Amino acid sequence: MMLPWLRCSRIMPRHSVFVYGTLKRGEPNHHWLTEKENGDALFVGTANTKEKYPLVIASRYNIPYTLELPGKGENIEGEIYDVDDNMLAKLDVLEDHPKYYERKVKKAVLQDSGEEVDIWIYLLHHYKPHMIELPFLKSYQHNGDHGLKYVASEDDISDPDDI
């Protein structure tokens, strides 16, 4: 018989992750959040970053990037997922944290309740200066009216100089 306190100690910690690009529902990389071998992810709700950030589309693959430049840009709309340690580790691999993106704790505001929550968000710290001259988006859709459709690739693009 397993003791109740032992059972509780085996519960995996959970993390709130804010996704704003190709990981959102209906976007090309959303499958990362639904494949059980990656871990567990539960949709919490739609939210906006409390601080403004530049969300831009760049690179030859038309990747959405949120630049670590708080106060400039928009209150980005995205989705919050409650994920386990395994999923967080898989997302770190996908986002090449901490080499390419850096995962940081920031604040977001849930749209349905107005509740302010702490979230993990992947931000691009090492970006080329021309990226702050690109149009800033409030919300990303791969087939949006920006005309820059996301291009999936197996290429290693983890070097910021490739942007």
Protein backbone atom coordinates (compact mmCIF):
# COMPACT_ATOMS: atom_id res chain seq x y z
CA MET A 1 0.00 0.00 0.00
CA MET A 2 1.33 3.43 -0.96
CA LEU A 3 1.25 6.04 1.78
CA PRO A 4 -0.71 9.22 0.90
CA TRP A 5 2.29 11.49 1.47
CA LEU A 6 4.44 9.33 -0.82
CA ARG A 7 1.80 9.45 -3.58
CA CYS A 8 1.73 13.26 -3.33
CA SER A 9 5.50 13.49 -3.61
CA ARG A 10 5.31 11.83 -7.04
CA ILE A 11 3.09 14.52 -8.53
CA MET A 12 5.00 16.37 -11.21
CA PRO A 13 5.40 20.12 -10.75
CA ARG A 14 3.42 22.26 -13.19
CA HIS A 15 4.47 25.36 -15.11
CA SER A 16 2.43 28.08 -16.86
CA VAL A 17 3.83 28.65 -20.35
CA PHE A 18 2.70 31.48 -22.64
CA VAL A 19 2.83 30.65 -26.36
CA TYR A 20 2.39 33.38 -28.97
CA GLY A 21 3.43 31.87 -32.29
CA THR A 22 3.48 28.53 -34.06
CA LEU A 23 2.66 26.60 -30.85
CA LYS A 24 -0.85 28.10 -30.54
CA ARG A 25 -3.95 26.10 -31.46
CA GLY A 26 -4.39 25.98 -35.23
CA GLU A 27 -0.73 26.78 -35.86
CA PRO A 28 1.92 24.52 -37.46
CA ASN A 29 3.78 23.45 -34.30
CA HIS A 30 0.80 23.02 -31.96
CA HIS A 31 1.30 19.25 -32.19
CA TRP A 32 4.27 19.65 -29.81
CA LEU A 33 1.77 20.44 -27.05
CA THR A 34 -0.57 17.56 -27.87
CA GLU A 35 1.88 14.69 -28.38
CA LYS A 36 1.79 12.70 -25.13
CA GLU A 37 5.38 11.49 -25.54
CA ASN A 38 6.43 15.14 -25.02
CA GLY A 39 4.64 15.32 -21.67
CA ASP A 40 1.41 16.86 -20.51
CA ALA A 41 -0.06 20.24 -21.51
CA LEU A 42 -3.44 21.63 -20.50
CA PHE A 43 -4.92 24.73 -22.16
CA VAL A 44 -5.64 27.38 -19.51
CA GLY A 45 -6.86 30.30 -21.59
CA THR A 46 -6.13 33.17 -23.93
CA ALA A 47 -4.10 36.01 -22.44
CA ASN A 48 -2.05 39.09 -23.22
CA THR A 49 1.37 39.99 -21.93
CA LYS A 50 1.10 42.62 -19.19
CA GLU A 51 4.07 44.48 -20.65
CA LYS A 52 4.38 45.45 -24.29
CA TYR A 53 6.91 43.58 -26.41
CA PRO A 54 7.81 43.62 -30.11
CA LEU A 55 6.39 40.53 -31.84
CA VAL A 56 7.91 40.36 -35.31
CA ILE A 57 8.20 37.88 -38.16
CA ALA A 58 11.75 37.35 -39.41
CA SER A 59 14.22 34.93 -41.03
CA ARG A 60 13.87 33.06 -44.30
CA TYR A 61 11.40 30.77 -42.46
CA ASN A 62 9.08 33.60 -41.34
CA ILE A 63 9.39 32.72 -37.68
CA PRO A 64 7.50 34.77 -35.08
CA TYR A 65 9.89 36.23 -32.50
CA THR A 66 9.16 38.20 -29.36
CA LEU A 67 12.13 40.45 -28.70
CA GLU A 68 13.36 41.09 -25.16
CA LEU A 69 12.58 44.78 -25.38
CA PRO A 70 9.88 45.47 -22.77
CA GLY A 71 7.81 48.62 -23.19
CA LYS A 72 8.07 48.66 -26.99
CA GLY A 73 5.50 46.97 -29.23
CA GLU A 74 2.16 45.51 -28.18
CA ASN A 75 0.54 43.58 -25.35
CA ILE A 76 0.94 40.31 -27.21
CA GLU A 77 -1.98 37.92 -27.41
CA GLY A 78 -1.24 34.26 -26.84
CA GLU A 79 -2.30 31.11 -25.03
CA ILE A 80 -1.34 29.85 -21.60
CA TYR A 81 -0.73 26.14 -21.06
CA ASP A 82 -0.20 24.35 -17.79
CA VAL A 83 2.66 21.93 -18.55
CA ASP A 84 4.61 19.29 -16.64
CA ASP A 85 8.40 19.08 -16.33
CA ASN A 86 8.68 16.77 -19.35
CA MET A 87 6.79 19.15 -21.64
CA LEU A 88 8.77 22.14 -20.38
CA ALA A 89 12.00 20.28 -21.17
CA LYS A 90 10.73 19.46 -24.70
CA LEU A 91 9.75 23.10 -25.27
CA ASP A 92 13.23 24.15 -24.13
CA VAL A 93 14.68 21.85 -26.80
CA LEU A 94 12.33 23.21 -29.47
CA GLU A 95 13.15 26.82 -28.57
CA ASP A 96 16.86 26.01 -28.01
CA HIS A 97 16.77 27.60 -24.55
CA PRO A 98 19.00 29.22 -23.39
CA LYS A 99 21.20 29.51 -26.52
CA TYR A 100 18.62 30.93 -28.93
CA TYR A 101 15.54 31.95 -26.97
CA GLU A 102 15.66 32.56 -23.24
CA ARG A 103 12.78 31.40 -21.10
CA LYS A 104 11.82 34.12 -18.61
CA VAL A 105 9.11 34.61 -16.00
CA LYS A 106 6.84 37.53 -16.92
CA LYS A 107 3.23 38.53 -16.29
CA ALA A 108 0.17 37.94 -18.46
CA VAL A 109 -3.48 38.87 -18.05
CA LEU A 110 -6.13 36.23 -18.78
CA GLN A 111 -8.72 37.64 -21.18
CA ASP A 112 -11.76 35.92 -19.68
CA SER A 113 -11.16 36.85 -16.03
CA GLY A 114 -8.66 39.71 -16.04
CA GLU A 115 -6.54 37.68 -13.63
CA GLU A 116 -2.83 38.48 -13.69
CA VAL A 117 -0.62 35.39 -13.70
CA ASP A 118 3.09 34.54 -13.78
CA ILE A 119 4.06 32.79 -16.99
CA TRP A 120 7.13 31.44 -18.71
CA ILE A 121 7.70 33.09 -22.10
CA TYR A 122 10.43 32.47 -24.67
CA LEU A 123 12.11 35.76 -25.64
CA LEU A 124 14.79 36.47 -28.21
CA HIS A 125 17.63 38.36 -26.54
CA HIS A 126 20.26 38.35 -29.28
CA TYR A 127 18.60 39.88 -32.30
CA LYS A 128 19.77 41.97 -35.20
CA PRO A 129 19.07 45.71 -34.95
CA HIS A 130 16.92 45.69 -38.12
CA MET A 131 14.38 43.49 -36.32
CA ILE A 132 13.12 46.41 -34.22
CA GLU A 133 12.25 48.19 -37.47
CA LEU A 134 9.94 45.35 -38.61
CA PRO A 135 6.16 45.68 -38.16
CA PHE A 136 5.03 44.79 -34.63
CA LEU A 137 2.16 42.35 -34.31
CA LYS A 138 -0.34 42.07 -31.48
CA SER A 139 -1.23 38.49 -32.44
CA TYR A 140 0.36 35.93 -34.76
CA GLN A 141 -1.30 33.64 -37.27
CA HIS A 142 0.87 31.75 -39.77
CA ASN A 143 -1.58 32.56 -42.58
CA GLY A 144 -2.32 36.12 -41.42
CA ASP A 145 -2.73 39.18 -43.59
CA HIS A 146 0.99 39.93 -43.11
CA GLY A 147 1.59 37.58 -46.09
CA LEU A 148 4.58 35.89 -44.40
CA LYS A 149 3.58 32.25 -44.15
CA TYR A 150 5.66 30.15 -41.76
CA VAL A 151 8.08 27.73 -43.44
CA ALA A 152 8.79 24.54 -41.49
CA SER A 153 12.41 23.42 -41.64
CA GLU A 154 14.74 20.84 -40.16
CA ASP A 155 17.67 23.24 -40.60
CA ASP A 156 19.61 24.26 -37.51
CA ILE A 157 18.65 27.90 -37.09
CA SER A 158 19.78 28.21 -33.50
CA ASP A 159 22.35 30.87 -34.32
CA PRO A 160 20.92 34.40 -34.00
CA ASP A 161 23.13 35.43 -36.91
CA ASP A 162 20.90 33.29 -39.14
CA ILE A 163 17.92 35.60 -38.56
